[in-house]
Each structure stands twice: as C-alpha cells, then as structure tokens.
PDB file of N, CA and C in Angstrom:
ATOM      1  N   MET A   1     160.137-157.647 -20.180  1.00  0.00           N
ATOM      2  CA  MET A   1     158.913-156.928 -20.481  1.00  0.00           C
ATOM      3  C   MET A   1     157.718-157.716 -19.957  1.00  0.00           C
ATOM      4  N   GLN A   2     156.780-157.041 -19.334  1.00  0.00           N
ATOM      5  CA  GLN A   2     155.628-157.690 -18.724  1.00  0.00           C
ATOM      6  C   GLN A   2     154.746-158.377 -19.763  1.00  0.00           C
ATOM      7  N   PHE A   3     154.524-157.756 -20.925  1.00  0.00           N
ATOM      8  CA  PHE A   3     153.663-158.350 -21.938  1.00  0.00           C
ATOM      9  C   PHE A   3     154.229-159.676 -22.432  1.00  0.00           C
ATOM     10  N   ALA A   4     155.531-159.764 -22.582  1.00  0.00           N
ATOM     11  CA  ALA A   4     156.156-161.001 -23.055  1.00  0.00           C
ATOM     12  C   ALA A   4     155.832-162.162 -22.120  1.00  0.00           C
ATOM     13  N   LYS A   5     155.768-161.902 -20.819  1.00  0.00           N
ATOM     14  CA  LYS A   5     155.435-162.945 -19.843  1.00  0.00           C
ATOM     15  C   LYS A   5     153.964-163.334 -19.923  1.00  0.00           C
ATOM     16  N   LEU A   6     153.096-162.342 -20.157  1.00  0.00           N
ATOM     17  CA  LEU A   6     151.657-162.597 -20.211  1.00  0.00           C
ATOM     18  C   LEU A   6     151.206-163.180 -21.549  1.00  0.00           C
ATOM     19  N   LYS A   7     151.936-162.929 -22.598  1.00  0.00           N
ATOM     20  CA  LYS A   7     151.538-163.322 -23.943  1.00  0.00           C
ATOM     21  C   LYS A   7     151.203-164.805 -24.046  1.00  0.00           C
ATOM     22  N   THR A   8     151.929-165.647 -23.364  1.00  0.00           N
ATOM     23  CA  THR A   8     151.687-167.087 -23.435  1.00  0.00           C
ATOM     24  C   THR A   8     150.370-167.490 -22.763  1.00  0.00           C
ATOM     25  N   LYS A   9     149.805-166.615 -21.941  1.00  0.00           N
ATOM     26  CA  LYS A   9     148.555-166.908 -21.240  1.00  0.00           C
ATOM     27  C   LYS A   9     147.329-166.319 -21.932  1.00  0.00           C
ATOM     28  N   ILE A  10     147.554-165.448 -22.912  1.00  0.00           N
ATOM     29  CA  ILE A  10     146.453-164.757 -23.582  1.00  0.00           C
ATOM     30  C   ILE A  10     146.082-165.485 -24.871  1.00  0.00           C
ATOM     31  N   ASP A  11     144.776-165.712 -25.043  1.00  0.00           N
ATOM     32  CA  ASP A  11     144.282-166.360 -26.252  1.00  0.00           C
ATOM     33  C   ASP A  11     143.978-165.333 -27.341  1.00  0.00           C
ATOM     34  N   GLU A  12     143.363-164.204 -26.949  1.00  0.00           N
ATOM     35  CA  GLU A  12     142.967-163.204 -27.932  1.00  0.00           C
ATOM     36  C   GLU A  12     142.842-161.839 -27.279  1.00  0.00           C
ATOM     37  N   ILE A  13     143.132-160.786 -28.063  1.00  0.00           N
ATOM     38  CA  ILE A  13     142.934-159.405 -27.631  1.00  0.00           C
ATOM     39  C   ILE A  13     142.088-158.711 -28.698  1.00  0.00           C
ATOM     40  N   GLN A  14     141.109-157.908 -28.225  1.00  0.00           N
ATOM     41  CA  GLN A  14     140.299-157.086 -29.120  1.00  0.00           C
ATOM     42  C   GLN A  14     140.399-155.641 -28.628  1.00  0.00           C
ATOM     43  N   SER A  15     140.567-154.720 -29.575  1.00  0.00           N
ATOM     44  CA  SER A  15     140.726-153.320 -29.213  1.00  0.00           C
ATOM     45  C   SER A  15     140.012-152.437 -30.231  1.00  0.00           C
ATOM     46  N   ALA A  16     139.458-151.311 -29.756  1.00  0.00           N
ATOM     47  CA  ALA A  16     138.799-150.361 -30.652  1.00  0.00           C
ATOM     48  C   ALA A  16     138.855-148.964 -30.045  1.00  0.00           C
ATOM     49  N   TYR A  17     139.074-147.984 -30.900  1.00  0.00           N
ATOM     50  CA  TYR A  17     139.022-146.575 -30.513  1.00  0.00           C
ATOM     51  C   TYR A  17     137.556-146.156 -30.489  1.00  0.00           C
ATOM     52  N   ARG A  18     137.071-145.640 -29.338  1.00  0.00           N
ATOM     53  CA  ARG A  18     135.656-145.293 -29.191  1.00  0.00           C
ATOM     54  C   ARG A  18     135.364-143.809 -29.324  1.00  0.00           C
ATOM     55  N   GLY A  19     136.375-142.963 -29.186  1.00  0.00           N
ATOM     56  CA  GLY A  19     136.151-141.529 -29.299  1.00  0.00           C
ATOM     57  C   GLY A  19     136.963-140.763 -28.279  1.00  0.00           C
ATOM     58  N   MET A  20     136.598-139.470 -28.124  1.00  0.00           N
ATOM     59  CA  MET A  20     137.355-138.633 -27.195  1.00  0.00           C
ATOM     60  C   MET A  20     136.506-137.470 -26.701  1.00  0.00           C
ATOM     61  N   ILE A  21     136.965-136.904 -25.612  1.00  0.00           N
ATOM     62  CA  ILE A  21     136.427-135.653 -25.088  1.00  0.00           C
ATOM     63  C   ILE A  21     137.518-134.614 -25.319  1.00  0.00           C
ATOM     64  N   VAL A  22     137.157-133.491 -25.936  1.00  0.00           N
ATOM     65  CA  VAL A  22     138.114-132.441 -26.273  1.00  0.00           C
ATOM     66  C   VAL A  22     137.822-131.203 -25.437  1.00  0.00           C
ATOM     67  N   ASP A  23     138.876-130.578 -24.916  1.00  0.00           N
ATOM     68  CA  ASP A  23     138.735-129.323 -24.167  1.00  0.00           C
ATOM     69  C   ASP A  23     139.139-128.155 -25.067  1.00  0.00           C
ATOM     70  N   PRO A  24     138.172-127.507 -25.726  1.00  0.00           N
ATOM     71  CA  PRO A  24     138.522-126.401 -26.625  1.00  0.00           C
ATOM     72  C   PRO A  24     139.173-125.221 -25.902  1.00  0.00           C
ATOM     73  N   GLU A  25     138.941-125.109 -24.598  1.00  0.00           N
ATOM     74  CA  GLU A  25     139.563-124.011 -23.851  1.00  0.00           C
ATOM     75  C   GLU A  25     141.062-124.214 -23.670  1.00  0.00           C
ATOM     76  N   SER A  26     141.537-125.447 -23.867  1.00  0.00           N
ATOM     77  CA  SER A  26     142.972-125.709 -23.747  1.00  0.00           C
ATOM     78  C   SER A  26     143.711-125.451 -25.052  1.00  0.00           C
ATOM     79  N   LEU A  27     142.974-125.191 -26.119  1.00  0.00           N
ATOM     80  CA  LEU A  27     143.556-125.001 -27.440  1.00  0.00           C
ATOM     81  C   LEU A  27     144.569-123.851 -27.416  1.00  0.00           C
ATOM     82  N   THR A  28     145.765-124.139 -27.880  1.00  0.00           N
ATOM     83  CA  THR A  28     146.822-123.143 -27.957  1.00  0.00           C
ATOM     84  C   THR A  28     147.315-123.072 -29.394  1.00  0.00           C
ATOM     85  N   LEU A  29     147.295-121.885 -29.973  1.00  0.00           N
ATOM     86  CA  LEU A  29     147.740-121.665 -31.345  1.00  0.00           C
ATOM     87  C   LEU A  29     148.999-120.809 -31.303  1.00  0.00           C
ATOM     88  N   THR A  30     150.047-121.293 -31.958  1.00  0.00           N
ATOM     89  CA  THR A  30     151.309-120.542 -31.998  1.00  0.00           C
ATOM     90  C   THR A  30     151.826-120.501 -33.438  1.00  0.00           C
ATOM     91  N   HIS A  31     152.684-119.534 -33.684  1.00  0.00           N
ATOM     92  CA  HIS A  31     153.329-119.410 -34.987  1.00  0.00           C
ATOM     93  C   HIS A  31     154.818-119.279 -34.738  1.00  0.00           C
ATOM     94  N   PHE A  32     155.592-120.216 -35.287  1.00  0.00           N
ATOM     95  CA  PHE A  32     157.037-120.197 -35.096  1.00  0.00           C
ATOM     96  C   PHE A  32     157.689-120.436 -36.446  1.00  0.00           C
ATOM     97  N   GLY A  33     158.545-119.526 -36.864  1.00  0.00           N
ATOM     98  CA  GLY A  33     159.140-119.641 -38.198  1.00  0.00           C
ATOM     99  C   GLY A  33     158.040-119.512 -39.235  1.00  0.00           C
ATOM    100  N   ASP A  34     157.952-120.491 -40.086  1.00  0.00           N
ATOM    101  CA  ASP A  34     156.907-120.500 -41.113  1.00  0.00           C
ATOM    102  C   ASP A  34     155.768-121.452 -40.763  1.00  0.00           C
ATOM    103  N   HIS A  35     155.693-121.905 -39.529  1.00  0.00           N
ATOM    104  CA  HIS A  35     154.738-122.956 -39.178  1.00  0.00           C
ATOM    105  C   HIS A  35     153.728-122.513 -38.121  1.00  0.00           C
ATOM    106  N   TRP A  36     152.463-122.857 -38.361  1.00  0.00           N
ATOM    107  CA  TRP A  36     151.417-122.713 -37.356  1.00  0.00           C
ATOM    108  C   TRP A  36     151.333-124.022 -36.599  1.00  0.00           C
ATOM    109  N   ASN A  37     151.207-123.924 -35.273  1.00  0.00           N
ATOM    110  CA  ASN A  37     151.119-125.100 -34.410  1.00  0.00           C
ATOM    111  C   ASN A  37     149.914-124.974 -33.487  1.00  0.00           C
ATOM    112  N   VAL A  38     149.331-126.101 -33.145  1.00  0.00           N
ATOM    113  CA  VAL A  38     148.192-126.148 -32.224  1.00  0.00           C
ATOM    114  C   VAL A  38     148.427-127.281 -31.239  1.00  0.00           C
ATOM    115  N   SER A  39     148.013-127.071 -29.998  1.00  0.00           N
ATOM    116  CA  SER A  39     147.950-128.184 -29.041  1.00  0.00           C
ATOM    117  C   SER A  39     146.583-128.130 -28.371  1.00  0.00           C
ATOM    118  N   VAL A  40     146.080-129.313 -27.996  1.00  0.00           N
ATOM    119  CA  VAL A  40     144.767-129.399 -27.365  1.00  0.00           C
ATOM    120  C   VAL A  40     144.740-130.625 -26.453  1.00  0.00           C
ATOM    121  N   ASP A  41     144.084-130.465 -25.306  1.00  0.00           N
ATOM    122  CA  ASP A  41     143.948-131.557 -24.333  1.00  0.00           C
ATOM    123  C   ASP A  41     142.711-132.388 -24.634  1.00  0.00           C
ATOM    124  N   THR A  42     142.850-133.703 -24.480  1.00  0.00           N
ATOM    125  CA  THR A  42     141.744-134.630 -24.714  1.00  0.00           C
ATOM    126  C   THR A  42     141.783-135.756 -23.691  1.00  0.00           C
ATOM    127  N   VAL A  43     140.678-136.481 -23.613  1.00  0.00           N
ATOM    128  CA  VAL A  43     140.638-137.778 -22.940  1.00  0.00           C
ATOM    129  C   VAL A  43     140.094-138.748 -23.983  1.00  0.00           C
ATOM    130  N   VAL A  44     140.909-139.733 -24.349  1.00  0.00           N
ATOM    131  CA  VAL A  44     140.584-140.672 -25.414  1.00  0.00           C
ATOM    132  C   VAL A  44     140.102-141.977 -24.794  1.00  0.00           C
ATOM    133  N   SER A  45     139.062-142.579 -25.394  1.00  0.00           N
ATOM    134  CA  SER A  45     138.471-143.817 -24.865  1.00  0.00           C
ATOM    135  C   SER A  45     138.735-144.988 -25.802  1.00  0.00           C
ATOM    136  N   TYR A  46     139.109-146.130 -25.197  1.00  0.00           N
ATOM    137  CA  TYR A  46     139.374-147.352 -25.936  1.00  0.00           C
ATOM    138  C   TYR A  46     138.607-148.518 -25.329  1.00  0.00           C
ATOM    139  N   THR A  47     138.097-149.385 -26.198  1.00  0.00           N
ATOM    140  CA  THR A  47     137.613-150.684 -25.758  1.00  0.00           C
ATOM    141  C   THR A  47     138.807-151.619 -25.824  1.00  0.00           C
ATOM    142  N   TYR A  48     139.001-152.399 -24.774  1.00  0.00           N
ATOM    143  CA  TYR A  48     140.129-153.333 -24.723  1.00  0.00           C
ATOM    144  C   TYR A  48     139.663-154.563 -23.961  1.00  0.00           C
ATOM    145  N   VAL A  49     139.475-155.651 -24.667  1.00  0.00           N
ATOM    146  CA  VAL A  49     139.050-156.896 -24.023  1.00  0.00           C
ATOM    147  C   VAL A  49     140.017-158.006 -24.413  1.00  0.00           C
ATOM    148  N   TYR A  50     140.135-158.995 -23.535  1.00  0.00           N
ATOM    149  CA  TYR A  50     141.044-160.104 -23.808  1.00  0.00           C
ATOM    150  C   TYR A  50     140.464-161.400 -23.247  1.00  0.00           C
ATOM    151  N   THR A  51     140.934-162.492 -23.800  1.00  0.00           N
ATOM    152  CA  THR A  51     140.530-163.822 -23.357  1.00  0.00           C
ATOM    153  C   THR A  51     141.784-164.582 -22.965  1.00  0.00           C
ATOM    154  N   LEU A  52     141.739-165.216 -21.795  1.00  0.00           N
ATOM    155  CA  LEU A  52     142.854-166.048 -21.349  1.00  0.00           C
ATOM    156  C   LEU A  52     142.672-167.468 -21.871  1.00  0.00           C
ATOM    157  N   LYS A  53     143.768-168.135 -22.155  1.00  0.00           N
ATOM    158  CA  LYS A  53     143.712-169.516 -22.640  1.00  0.00           C
ATOM    159  C   LYS A  53     143.123-170.452 -21.593  1.00  0.00           C
ATOM    160  N   SER A  54     143.321-170.136 -20.331  1.00  0.00           N
ATOM    161  CA  SER A  54     142.901-171.032 -19.253  1.00  0.00           C
ATOM    162  C   SER A  54     141.400-171.131 -19.063  1.00  0.00           C
ATOM    163  N   ASP A  55     140.654-170.049 -19.323  1.00  0.00           N
ATOM    164  CA  ASP A  55     139.212-170.115 -19.045  1.00  0.00           C
ATOM    165  C   ASP A  55     138.320-169.611 -20.177  1.00  0.00           C
ATOM    166  N   LYS A  56     138.891-169.055 -21.239  1.00  0.00           N
ATOM    167  CA  LYS A  56     138.143-168.589 -22.412  1.00  0.00           C
ATOM    168  C   LYS A  56     137.069-167.542 -22.095  1.00  0.00           C
ATOM    169  N   GLN A  57     137.125-166.944 -20.911  1.00  0.00           N
ATOM    170  CA  GLN A  57     136.155-165.904 -20.535  1.00  0.00           C
ATOM    171  C   GLN A  57     136.693-164.547 -20.976  1.00  0.00           C
ATOM    172  N   MET A  58     135.854-163.772 -21.678  1.00  0.00           N
ATOM    173  CA  MET A  58     136.224-162.435 -22.147  1.00  0.00           C
ATOM    174  C   MET A  58     136.325-161.500 -20.943  1.00  0.00           C
ATOM    175  N   ARG A  59     137.436-160.778 -20.826  1.00  0.00           N
ATOM    176  CA  ARG A  59     137.648-159.835 -19.720  1.00  0.00           C
ATOM    177  C   ARG A  59     137.762-158.426 -20.285  1.00  0.00           C
ATOM    178  N   ASP A  60     137.059-157.503 -19.651  1.00  0.00           N
ATOM    179  CA  ASP A  60     137.017-156.113 -20.119  1.00  0.00           C
ATOM    180  C   ASP A  60     138.053-155.287 -19.367  1.00  0.00           C
ATOM    181  N   ALA A  61     138.968-154.704 -20.110  1.00  0.00           N
ATOM    182  CA  ALA A  61     139.985-153.818 -19.532  1.00  0.00           C
ATOM    183  C   ALA A  61     139.955-152.474 -20.266  1.00  0.00           C
ATOM    184  N   SER A  62     138.757-152.057 -20.692  1.00  0.00           N
ATOM    185  CA  SER A  62     138.603-150.796 -21.428  1.00  0.00           C
ATOM    186  C   SER A  62     139.091-149.640 -20.566  1.00  0.00           C
ATOM    187  N   TYR A  63     139.550-148.584 -21.209  1.00  0.00           N
ATOM    188  CA  TYR A  63     140.143-147.489 -20.449  1.00  0.00           C
ATOM    189  C   TYR A  63     140.041-146.160 -21.183  1.00  0.00           C
ATOM    190  N   GLN A  64     140.293-145.089 -20.440  1.00  0.00           N
ATOM    191  CA  GLN A  64     140.410-143.741 -20.972  1.00  0.00           C
ATOM    192  C   GLN A  64     141.838-143.267 -20.684  1.00  0.00           C
ATOM    193  N   ARG A  65     142.353-142.459 -21.584  1.00  0.00           N
ATOM    194  CA  ARG A  65     143.729-141.967 -21.438  1.00  0.00           C
ATOM    195  C   ARG A  65     143.774-140.492 -21.785  1.00  0.00           C
ATOM    196  N   GLY A  66     144.344-139.696 -20.908  1.00  0.00           N
ATOM    197  CA  GLY A  66     144.515-138.276 -21.163  1.00  0.00           C
ATOM    198  C   GLY A  66     145.669-138.042 -22.121  1.00  0.00           C
ATOM    199  N   ILE A  67     145.391-137.370 -23.229  1.00  0.00           N
ATOM    200  CA  ILE A  67     146.415-137.126 -24.254  1.00  0.00           C
ATOM    201  C   ILE A  67     146.351-135.663 -24.708  1.00  0.00           C
ATOM    202  N   THR A  68     147.506-135.048 -24.842  1.00  0.00           N
ATOM    203  CA  THR A  68     147.618-133.745 -25.486  1.00  0.00           C
ATOM    204  C   THR A  68     148.108-133.993 -26.905  1.00  0.00           C
ATOM    205  N   PHE A  69     147.318-133.532 -27.873  1.00  0.00           N
ATOM    206  CA  PHE A  69     147.704-133.637 -29.273  1.00  0.00           C
ATOM    207  C   PHE A  69     148.382-132.345 -29.703  1.00  0.00           C
ATOM    208  N   ARG A  70     149.470-132.494 -30.460  1.00  0.00           N
ATOM    209  CA  ARG A  70     150.141-131.359 -31.075  1.00  0.00           C
ATOM    210  C   ARG A  70     150.006-131.501 -32.582  1.00  0.00           C
ATOM    211  N   LEU A  71     149.578-130.433 -33.228  1.00  0.00           N
ATOM    212  CA  LEU A  71     149.387-130.448 -34.674  1.00  0.00           C
ATOM    213  C   LEU A  71     150.179-129.329 -35.316  1.00  0.00           C
ATOM    214  N   ILE A  72     150.528-129.533 -36.571  1.00  0.00           N
ATOM    215  CA  ILE A  72     151.228-128.521 -37.343  1.00  0.00           C
ATOM    216  C   ILE A  72     150.487-128.372 -38.666  1.00  0.00           C
ATOM    217  N   TYR A  73     150.384-127.134 -39.151  1.00  0.00           N
ATOM    218  CA  TYR A  73     149.675-126.900 -40.408  1.00  0.00           C
ATOM    219  C   TYR A  73     150.629-127.097 -41.569  1.00  0.00           C
ATOM    220  N   ASP A  74     150.262-127.978 -42.493  1.00  0.00           N
ATOM    221  CA  ASP A  74     151.051-128.223 -43.701  1.00  0.00           C
ATOM    222  C   ASP A  74     150.455-127.376 -44.824  1.00  0.00           C
ATOM    223  N   SER A  75     151.164-126.324 -45.212  1.00  0.00           N
ATOM    224  CA  SER A  75     150.625-125.391 -46.205  1.00  0.00           C
ATOM    225  C   SER A  75     150.541-126.005 -47.600  1.00  0.00           C
ATOM    226  N   GLU A  76     151.351-127.010 -47.895  1.00  0.00           N
ATOM    227  CA  GLU A  76     151.264-127.671 -49.195  1.00  0.00           C
ATOM    228  C   GLU A  76     150.020-128.548 -49.274  1.00  0.00           C
ATOM    229  N   GLN A  77     149.752-129.303 -48.208  1.00  0.00           N
ATOM    230  CA  GLN A  77     148.571-130.172 -48.189  1.00  0.00           C
ATOM    231  C   GLN A  77     147.316-129.422 -47.756  1.00  0.00           C
ATOM    232  N   LYS A  78     147.515-128.222 -47.197  1.00  0.00           N
ATOM    233  CA  LYS A  78     146.420-127.396 -46.684  1.00  0.00           C
ATOM    234  C   LYS A  78     145.576-128.160 -45.662  1.00  0.00           C
ATOM    235  N   ARG A  79     146.287-128.761 -44.692  1.00  0.00           N
ATOM    236  CA  ARG A  79     145.598-129.491 -43.635  1.00  0.00           C
ATOM    237  C   ARG A  79     146.491-129.583 -42.401  1.00  0.00           C
ATOM    238  N   TRP A  80     145.828-129.822 -41.260  1.00  0.00           N
ATOM    239  CA  TRP A  80     146.537-129.988 -40.001  1.00  0.00           C
ATOM    240  C   TRP A  80     146.989-131.437 -39.871  1.00  0.00           C
ATOM    241  N   LEU A  81     148.246-131.642 -39.480  1.00  0.00           N
ATOM    242  CA  LEU A  81     148.805-132.973 -39.301  1.00  0.00           C
ATOM    243  C   LEU A  81     149.253-133.142 -37.854  1.00  0.00           C
ATOM    244  N   VAL A  82     149.059-134.327 -37.316  1.00  0.00           N
ATOM    245  CA  VAL A  82     149.516-134.596 -35.944  1.00  0.00           C
ATOM    246  C   VAL A  82     151.038-134.628 -35.953  1.00  0.00           C
ATOM    247  N   SER A  83     151.638-133.806 -35.113  1.00  0.00           N
ATOM    248  CA  SER A  83     153.102-133.769 -35.032  1.00  0.00           C
ATOM    249  C   SER A  83     153.614-134.410 -33.748  1.00  0.00           C
ATOM    250  N   GLY A  84     152.689-134.726 -32.832  1.00  0.00           N
ATOM    251  CA  GLY A  84     153.101-135.393 -31.602  1.00  0.00           C
ATOM    252  C   GLY A  84     151.945-135.572 -30.650  1.00  0.00           C
ATOM    253  N   ILE A  85     152.114-136.505 -29.732  1.00  0.00           N
ATOM    254  CA  ILE A  85     151.146-136.716 -28.658  1.00  0.00           C
ATOM    255  C   ILE A  85     151.930-136.946 -27.369  1.00  0.00           C
ATOM    256  N   SER A  86     151.303-136.606 -26.259  1.00  0.00           N
ATOM    257  CA  SER A  86     151.926-136.867 -24.963  1.00  0.00           C
ATOM    258  C   SER A  86     150.836-137.098 -23.919  1.00  0.00           C
ATOM    259  N   ASP A  87     151.171-137.888 -22.920  1.00  0.00           N
ATOM    260  CA  ASP A  87     150.240-138.107 -21.812  1.00  0.00           C
ATOM    261  C   ASP A  87     150.076-136.804 -21.048  1.00  0.00           C
ATOM    262  N   ASN A  88     148.827-136.473 -20.711  1.00  0.00           N
ATOM    263  CA  ASN A  88     148.593-135.280 -19.895  1.00  0.00           C
ATOM    264  C   ASN A  88     148.003-135.638 -18.534  1.00  0.00           C
ATOM    265  N   PHE A  89     147.734-136.924 -18.304  1.00  0.00           N
ATOM    266  CA  PHE A  89     147.260-137.447 -17.022  1.00  0.00           C
ATOM    267  C   PHE A  89     145.910-136.859 -16.597  1.00  0.00           C
ATOM    268  N   ILE A  90     145.156-136.340 -17.568  1.00  0.00           N
ATOM    269  CA  ILE A  90     143.802-135.878 -17.292  1.00  0.00           C
ATOM    270  C   ILE A  90     142.885-137.095 -17.372  1.00  0.00           C
ATOM    271  N   ASN A  91     141.976-137.222 -16.412  1.00  0.00           N
ATOM    272  CA  ASN A  91     141.066-138.364 -16.431  1.00  0.00           C
ATOM    273  C   ASN A  91     139.652-137.918 -16.799  1.00  0.00           C
ATOM    274  N   GLU A  92     138.762-138.895 -16.949  1.00  0.00           N
ATOM    275  CA  GLU A  92     137.389-138.608 -17.362  1.00  0.00           C
ATOM    276  C   GLU A  92     136.655-137.753 -16.334  1.00  0.00           C
ATOM    277  N   GLN A  93     136.969-137.945 -15.066  1.00  0.00           N
ATOM    278  CA  GLN A  93     136.328-137.137 -14.013  1.00  0.00           C
ATOM    279  C   GLN A  93     136.705-135.661 -14.171  1.00  0.00           C
ATOM    280  N   THR A  94     137.960-135.375 -14.424  1.00  0.00           N
ATOM    281  CA  THR A  94     138.396-133.996 -14.644  1.00  0.00           C
ATOM    282  C   THR A  94     137.739-133.431 -15.901  1.00  0.00           C
ATOM    283  N   ALA A  95     137.702-134.239 -16.972  1.00  0.00           N
ATOM    284  CA  ALA A  95     137.106-133.782 -18.230  1.00  0.00           C
ATOM    285  C   ALA A  95     135.618-133.481 -18.080  1.00  0.00           C
ATOM    286  N   SER A  96     134.944-134.152 -17.154  1.00  0.00           N
ATOM    287  CA  SER A  96     133.509-133.890 -16.965  1.00  0.00           C
ATOM    288  C   SER A  96     133.263-132.465 -16.477  1.00  0.00           C
ATOM    289  N   GLY A  97     134.276-131.830 -15.901  1.00  0.00           N
ATOM    290  CA  GLY A  97     134.156-130.454 -15.434  1.00  0.00           C
ATOM    291  C   GLY A  97     134.503-129.401 -16.476  1.00  0.00           C
ATOM    292  N   TRP A  98     134.956-129.835 -17.644  1.00  0.00           N
ATOM    293  CA  TRP A  98     135.266-128.876 -18.697  1.00  0.00           C
ATOM    294  C   TRP A  98     133.972-128.224 -19.161  1.00  0.00           C
ATOM    295  N   GLU A  99     133.913-126.904 -19.091  1.00  0.00           N
ATOM    296  CA  GLU A  99     132.673-126.177 -19.365  1.00  0.00           C
ATOM    297  C   GLU A  99     132.218-126.285 -20.818  1.00  0.00           C
ATOM    298  N   HIS A 100     133.160-126.246 -21.757  1.00  0.00           N
ATOM    299  CA  HIS A 100     132.785-126.228 -23.177  1.00  0.00           C
ATOM    300  C   HIS A 100     133.296-127.477 -23.905  1.00  0.00           C
ATOM    301  N   LYS A 101     133.329-128.589 -23.216  1.00  0.00           N
ATOM    302  CA  LYS A 101     133.885-129.808 -23.808  1.00  0.00           C
ATOM    303  C   LYS A 101     133.097-130.237 -25.043  1.00  0.00           C
ATOM    304  N   LYS A 102     133.804-130.899 -25.944  1.00  0.00           N
ATOM    305  CA  LYS A 102     133.206-131.448 -27.155  1.00  0.00           C
ATOM    306  C   LYS A 102     133.442-132.954 -27.115  1.00  0.00           C
ATOM    307  N   GLU A 103     132.362-133.727 -27.142  1.00  0.00           N
ATOM    308  CA  GLU A 103     132.487-135.180 -27.124  1.00  0.00           C
ATOM    309  C   GLU A 103     132.360-135.721 -28.540  1.00  0.00           C
ATOM    310  N   VAL A 104     133.346-136.505 -28.932  1.00  0.00           N
ATOM    311  CA  VAL A 104     133.366-137.127 -30.246  1.00  0.00           C
ATOM    312  C   VAL A 104     133.252-138.632 -30.018  1.00  0.00           C
ATOM    313  N   THR A 105     132.200-139.241 -30.545  1.00  0.00           N
ATOM    314  CA  THR A 105     132.035-140.682 -30.381  1.00  0.00           C
ATOM    315  C   THR A 105     132.033-141.361 -31.747  1.00  0.00           C
ATOM    316  N   ILE A 106     132.539-142.550 -31.778  1.00  0.00           N
ATOM    317  CA  ILE A 106     132.564-143.355 -32.991  1.00  0.00           C
ATOM    318  C   ILE A 106     131.390-144.333 -32.884  1.00  0.00           C
ATOM    319  N   PRO A 107     130.339-144.141 -33.687  1.00  0.00           N
ATOM    320  CA  PRO A 107     129.140-144.968 -33.531  1.00  0.00           C
ATOM    321  C   PRO A 107     129.370-146.454 -33.816  1.00  0.00           C
ATOM    322  N   ASP A 108     130.236-146.773 -34.750  1.00  0.00           N
ATOM    323  CA  ASP A 108     130.509-148.162 -35.099  1.00  0.00           C
ATOM    324  C   ASP A 108     132.022-148.335 -35.216  1.00  0.00           C
ATOM    325  N   PRO A 109     132.725-148.400 -34.066  1.00  0.00           N
ATOM    326  CA  PRO A 109     134.191-148.409 -34.112  1.00  0.00           C
ATOM    327  C   PRO A 109     134.751-149.664 -34.783  1.00  0.00           C
ATOM    328  N   ILE A 110     135.878-149.493 -35.442  1.00  0.00           N
ATOM    329  CA  ILE A 110     136.574-150.625 -36.070  1.00  0.00           C
ATOM    330  C   ILE A 110     137.255-151.425 -34.959  1.00  0.00           C
ATOM    331  N   LYS A 111     136.953-152.699 -34.914  1.00  0.00           N
ATOM    332  CA  LYS A 111     137.542-153.575 -33.888  1.00  0.00           C
ATOM    333  C   LYS A 111     138.764-154.283 -34.480  1.00  0.00           C
ATOM    334  N   HIS A 112     139.875-154.181 -33.775  1.00  0.00           N
ATOM    335  CA  HIS A 112     141.101-154.874 -34.171  1.00  0.00           C
ATOM    336  C   HIS A 112     141.219-156.116 -33.299  1.00  0.00           C
ATOM    337  N   VAL A 113     141.520-157.251 -33.925  1.00  0.00           N
ATOM    338  CA  VAL A 113     141.579-158.514 -33.207  1.00  0.00           C
ATOM    339  C   VAL A 113     142.950-159.143 -33.426  1.00  0.00           C
ATOM    340  N   TRP A 114     143.575-159.556 -32.321  1.00  0.00           N
ATOM    341  CA  TRP A 114     144.829-160.282 -32.361  1.00  0.00           C
ATOM    342  C   TRP A 114     144.576-161.666 -31.756  1.00  0.00           C
ATOM    343  N   PRO A 115     144.323-162.675 -32.601  1.00  0.00           N
ATOM    344  CA  PRO A 115     144.051-164.031 -32.092  1.00  0.00           C
ATOM    345  C   PRO A 115     145.328-164.830 -31.895  1.00  0.00           C
ATOM    346  N   ASN A 116     145.219-165.857 -31.089  1.00  0.00           N
ATOM    347  CA  ASN A 116     146.292-166.856 -30.918  1.00  0.00           C
ATOM    348  C   ASN A 116     147.664-166.249 -30.664  1.00  0.00           C
ATOM    349  N   LEU A 117     147.734-165.424 -29.632  1.00  0.00           N
ATOM    350  CA  LEU A 117     149.022-164.794 -29.326  1.00  0.00           C
ATOM    351  C   LEU A 117     149.977-165.830 -28.800  1.00  0.00           C
TER     352      LEU A 117
END
C-alpha cells in the first residue's frame, strides 16, 4: 500500500470537510417495495494538508471529489438516511455549469488532526 510507505515520512495530517455543490437537476426519486430512494450528484470539497518530517513545511493537497449520494427514507425515524455513495467523476469545472446548483459551505469546518504518524 502506498500510504504505508509514505507514513514514515509524514509528521502530521490535517483534514476538514468544507462543503459541497449539489445538482438538484440530477435528483432521482424512486419507490421500490416499501422504500423511497433518492440519488443526487455532488462535488464535495475537502481541506487536506500535511507536514513532512524532513522539512516541517505545511503542504496543501486540498481537493474536490465528485460523489453521487444515495439515500433511503426511514419511515420509523421519519428521515432520509445515506444508503451509499459512489464516485461520479464530476469535477468542479463541470459543476460550475450546473444551472440550478446549490452550494453548501461550512463556515467553520471541524479540523481533524493526525499527529506523529
């Protein structure tokens, strides 16, 4: 595994979910058996920075990832639950052309830190 080889060279990793762009026109609602299902295309943004042990300089590897979310309605909880995700290979440039896109941003994202790997 590539990460196992790099782990000895990394001092720290910081990561945070920054938000997403949603394409409401991709929304698909289906009913199968007793279950309502929804799928929707998104581009999700993450902050991802790391520090190498050799130079202690913070390096930015932040990225966006195209994801299709699948949800199922739980009638007991009366809420939509994520039932799956998959890569859709949509990038931010493609999402910029979505006519009715909805941008969701996290104003103060929670930062996860993994020190001393």
